[in-house]
C-alpha atoms as a PDB file:
ATOM      1  CA  MET A   1      -0.031  -0.003   0.077  1.00  0.00           C
ATOM      2  CA  SER A   2       1.082   3.473  -0.578  1.00  0.00           C
ATOM      3  CA  ILE A   3      -0.252   6.990  -0.648  1.00  0.00           C
ATOM      4  CA  LYS A   4       1.534   9.751  -2.683  1.00  0.00           C
ATOM      5  CA  LYS A   5       0.506  13.407  -2.613  1.00  0.00           C
ATOM      6  CA  ARG A   6       1.075  16.071  -5.309  1.00  0.00           C
ATOM      7  CA  PHE A   7       0.082  19.568  -4.253  1.00  0.00           C
ATOM      8  CA  LEU A   8      -0.886  21.956  -7.020  1.00  0.00           C
ATOM      9  CA  LYS A   9       0.249  25.589  -6.708  1.00  0.00           C
ATOM     10  CA  ASN A  10      -2.578  27.236  -8.743  1.00  0.00           C
ATOM     11  CA  ARG A  11      -5.513  25.117  -7.511  1.00  0.00           C
ATOM     12  CA  PRO A  12      -6.891  24.346  -3.935  1.00  0.00           C
ATOM     13  CA  ILE A  13      -6.480  20.591  -4.600  1.00  0.00           C
ATOM     14  CA  CYS A  14      -4.025  17.886  -4.070  1.00  0.00           C
ATOM     15  CA  LYS A  15      -3.667  14.948  -6.368  1.00  0.00           C
ATOM     16  CA  VAL A  16      -3.536  11.926  -4.172  1.00  0.00           C
ATOM     17  CA  THR A  17      -2.562   8.525  -5.612  1.00  0.00           C
ATOM     18  CA  PHE A  18      -3.764   5.544  -3.614  1.00  0.00           C
ATOM     19  CA  SER A  19      -2.121   2.238  -4.453  1.00  0.00           C
ATOM     20  CA  LEU A  20      -2.440  -1.406  -3.321  1.00  0.00           C
ATOM     21  CA  THR A  21      -0.019  -4.200  -4.115  1.00  0.00           C
ATOM     22  CA  LYS A  22      -1.351  -7.562  -5.172  1.00  0.00           C
ATOM     23  CA  GLU A  23      -0.583  -8.853  -1.681  1.00  0.00           C
ATOM     24  CA  ALA A  24      -2.455  -5.992  -0.013  1.00  0.00           C
ATOM     25  CA  ALA A  25      -5.436  -6.518  -2.381  1.00  0.00           C
ATOM     26  CA  ASP A  26      -5.416 -10.163  -1.274  1.00  0.00           C
ATOM     27  CA  ASN A  27      -5.811 -11.337  -4.900  1.00  0.00           C
ATOM     28  CA  ALA A  28      -9.112  -9.373  -5.333  1.00  0.00           C
ATOM     29  CA  LYS A  29     -10.638  -9.030  -8.764  1.00  0.00           C
ATOM     30  CA  SER A  30     -11.904  -5.479  -7.968  1.00  0.00           C
ATOM     31  CA  VAL A  31     -10.962  -2.761  -5.507  1.00  0.00           C
ATOM     32  CA  HIS A  32     -12.985   0.316  -4.766  1.00  0.00           C
ATOM     33  CA  ILE A  33     -12.100   3.301  -2.702  1.00  0.00           C
ATOM     34  CA  THR A  34     -14.880   5.122  -0.699  1.00  0.00           C
ATOM     35  CA  GLY A  35     -14.803   7.809   1.883  1.00  0.00           C
ATOM     36  CA  GLU A  36     -16.021  11.174   2.784  1.00  0.00           C
ATOM     37  CA  PHE A  37     -15.039  12.464  -0.712  1.00  0.00           C
ATOM     38  CA  ASN A  38     -17.870  10.347  -2.249  1.00  0.00           C
ATOM     39  CA  ASN A  39     -20.228  10.488   0.647  1.00  0.00           C
ATOM     40  CA  TRP A  40     -19.333   6.900   1.536  1.00  0.00           C
ATOM     41  CA  GLU A  41     -21.383   5.525  -1.413  1.00  0.00           C
ATOM     42  CA  LYS A  42     -20.769   1.862  -1.871  1.00  0.00           C
ATOM     43  CA  PRO A  43     -19.231   0.247  -3.639  1.00  0.00           C
ATOM     44  CA  GLY A  44     -17.230   3.424  -4.162  1.00  0.00           C
ATOM     45  CA  ILE A  45     -14.877   4.598  -6.930  1.00  0.00           C
ATOM     46  CA  PRO A  46     -13.305   1.748  -8.913  1.00  0.00           C
ATOM     47  CA  MET A  47      -9.576   1.631  -8.868  1.00  0.00           C
ATOM     48  CA  LYS A  48      -7.556   0.753 -11.949  1.00  0.00           C
ATOM     49  CA  SER A  49      -6.318  -2.843 -12.031  1.00  0.00           C
ATOM     50  CA  TYR A  50      -2.933  -3.869 -13.403  1.00  0.00           C
ATOM     51  CA  LYS A  51      -1.718  -7.125 -14.889  1.00  0.00           C
ATOM     52  CA  ASN A  52       0.575  -7.710 -11.915  1.00  0.00           C
ATOM     53  CA  GLY A  53      -2.517  -7.736  -9.572  1.00  0.00           C
ATOM     54  CA  SER A  54      -2.039  -4.334  -8.106  1.00  0.00           C
ATOM     55  CA  PHE A  55      -4.502  -1.426  -8.107  1.00  0.00           C
ATOM     56  CA  SER A  56      -4.271   2.299  -7.972  1.00  0.00           C
ATOM     57  CA  ILE A  57      -6.304   5.633  -8.386  1.00  0.00           C
ATOM     58  CA  THR A  58      -5.450   9.257  -8.287  1.00  0.00           C
ATOM     59  CA  LEU A  59      -8.129  11.543  -6.782  1.00  0.00           C
ATOM     60  CA  ASP A  60      -8.318  15.361  -6.593  1.00  0.00           C
ATOM     61  CA  LEU A  61      -8.844  16.154  -2.930  1.00  0.00           C
ATOM     62  CA  GLU A  62      -9.456  19.522  -1.304  1.00  0.00           C
ATOM     63  CA  LYS A  63      -6.304  20.900   0.429  1.00  0.00           C
ATOM     64  CA  ASN A  64      -6.132  21.779   4.107  1.00  0.00           C
ATOM     65  CA  LYS A  65      -8.498  19.000   5.021  1.00  0.00           C
ATOM     66  CA  ASP A  66      -8.574  15.470   6.470  1.00  0.00           C
ATOM     67  CA  HIS A  67     -10.236  12.910   4.157  1.00  0.00           C
ATOM     68  CA  GLN A  68     -11.440   9.654   5.719  1.00  0.00           C
ATOM     69  CA  PHE A  69     -11.399   6.566   3.468  1.00  0.00           C
ATOM     70  CA  ARG A  70     -11.350   2.749   3.140  1.00  0.00           C
ATOM     71  CA  TYR A  71     -10.895   0.177   0.448  1.00  0.00           C
ATOM     72  CA  LEU A  72     -13.525  -2.396  -0.513  1.00  0.00           C
ATOM     73  CA  LEU A  73     -12.198  -5.608  -2.056  1.00  0.00           C
ATOM     74  CA  ASP A  74     -14.657  -7.461  -4.383  1.00  0.00           C
ATOM     75  CA  LYS A  75     -17.452  -5.356  -3.057  1.00  0.00           C
ATOM     76  CA  GLN A  76     -17.569  -7.249   0.246  1.00  0.00           C
ATOM     77  CA  THR A  77     -14.320  -6.949   2.309  1.00  0.00           C
ATOM     78  CA  TRP A  78     -13.171  -3.718   3.922  1.00  0.00           C
ATOM     79  CA  VAL A  79      -9.412  -2.960   4.063  1.00  0.00           C
ATOM     80  CA  ASN A  80      -7.595  -0.144   5.592  1.00  0.00           C
ATOM     81  CA  ASP A  81      -4.243   1.472   4.591  1.00  0.00           C
ATOM     82  CA  GLU A  82      -1.624   1.377   7.268  1.00  0.00           C
ATOM     83  CA  GLU A  83       0.283   4.062   5.437  1.00  0.00           C
ATOM     84  CA  ALA A  84      -2.437   6.637   5.966  1.00  0.00           C
ATOM     85  CA  ASP A  85      -1.581   9.720   7.966  1.00  0.00           C
ATOM     86  CA  LYS A  86      -3.807   8.603  10.889  1.00  0.00           C
ATOM     87  CA  HIS A  87      -6.875   6.673  11.814  1.00  0.00           C
ATOM     88  CA  VAL A  88     -10.130   7.410  13.568  1.00  0.00           C
ATOM     89  CA  PRO A  89     -13.000   5.387  14.936  1.00  0.00           C
ATOM     90  CA  SER A  90     -15.649   4.728  12.261  1.00  0.00           C
ATOM     91  CA  GLY A  91     -18.602   4.657  14.589  1.00  0.00           C
ATOM     92  CA  PHE A  92     -19.013   0.852  13.961  1.00  0.00           C
ATOM     93  CA  ALA A  93     -17.741  -1.400  16.696  1.00  0.00           C
ATOM     94  CA  GLY A  94     -14.040  -2.344  16.266  1.00  0.00           C
ATOM     95  CA  SER A  95     -13.805  -0.570  13.016  1.00  0.00           C
ATOM     96  CA  LYS A  96     -11.488   2.261  11.908  1.00  0.00           C
ATOM     97  CA  ASN A  97     -11.498   4.731   9.099  1.00  0.00           C
ATOM     98  CA  PHE A  98      -8.178   5.789   7.791  1.00  0.00           C
ATOM     99  CA  VAL A  99      -7.186   9.405   7.023  1.00  0.00           C
ATOM    100  CA  VAL A 100      -5.179  11.144   4.381  1.00  0.00           C
ATOM    101  CA  SER A 101      -4.403  14.840   5.338  1.00  0.00           C
ATOM    102  CA  VAL A 102      -3.742  17.273   2.520  1.00  0.00           C
END
């Protein structure tokens, strides 16, 4: 898993690339990302799959804000990103949302 941030000087956004390796994706056929940026709508935004089994997506996120998110594998298994900036309780017992700060 990895998160890369690219801040734009002339726009109030940050281009954030979220990536999952094949191992992190647990051999999933599809991975979606969902979070505050899409009102937690399931299954979320589909991530691009690659021949090597990895997945990635680049999103334009508002600067100076924390964005909670999670990954959804094969539309049924939630996965968090340990490389996120922090984590917060999700409101569901024993569950956390992960946060990217931009």
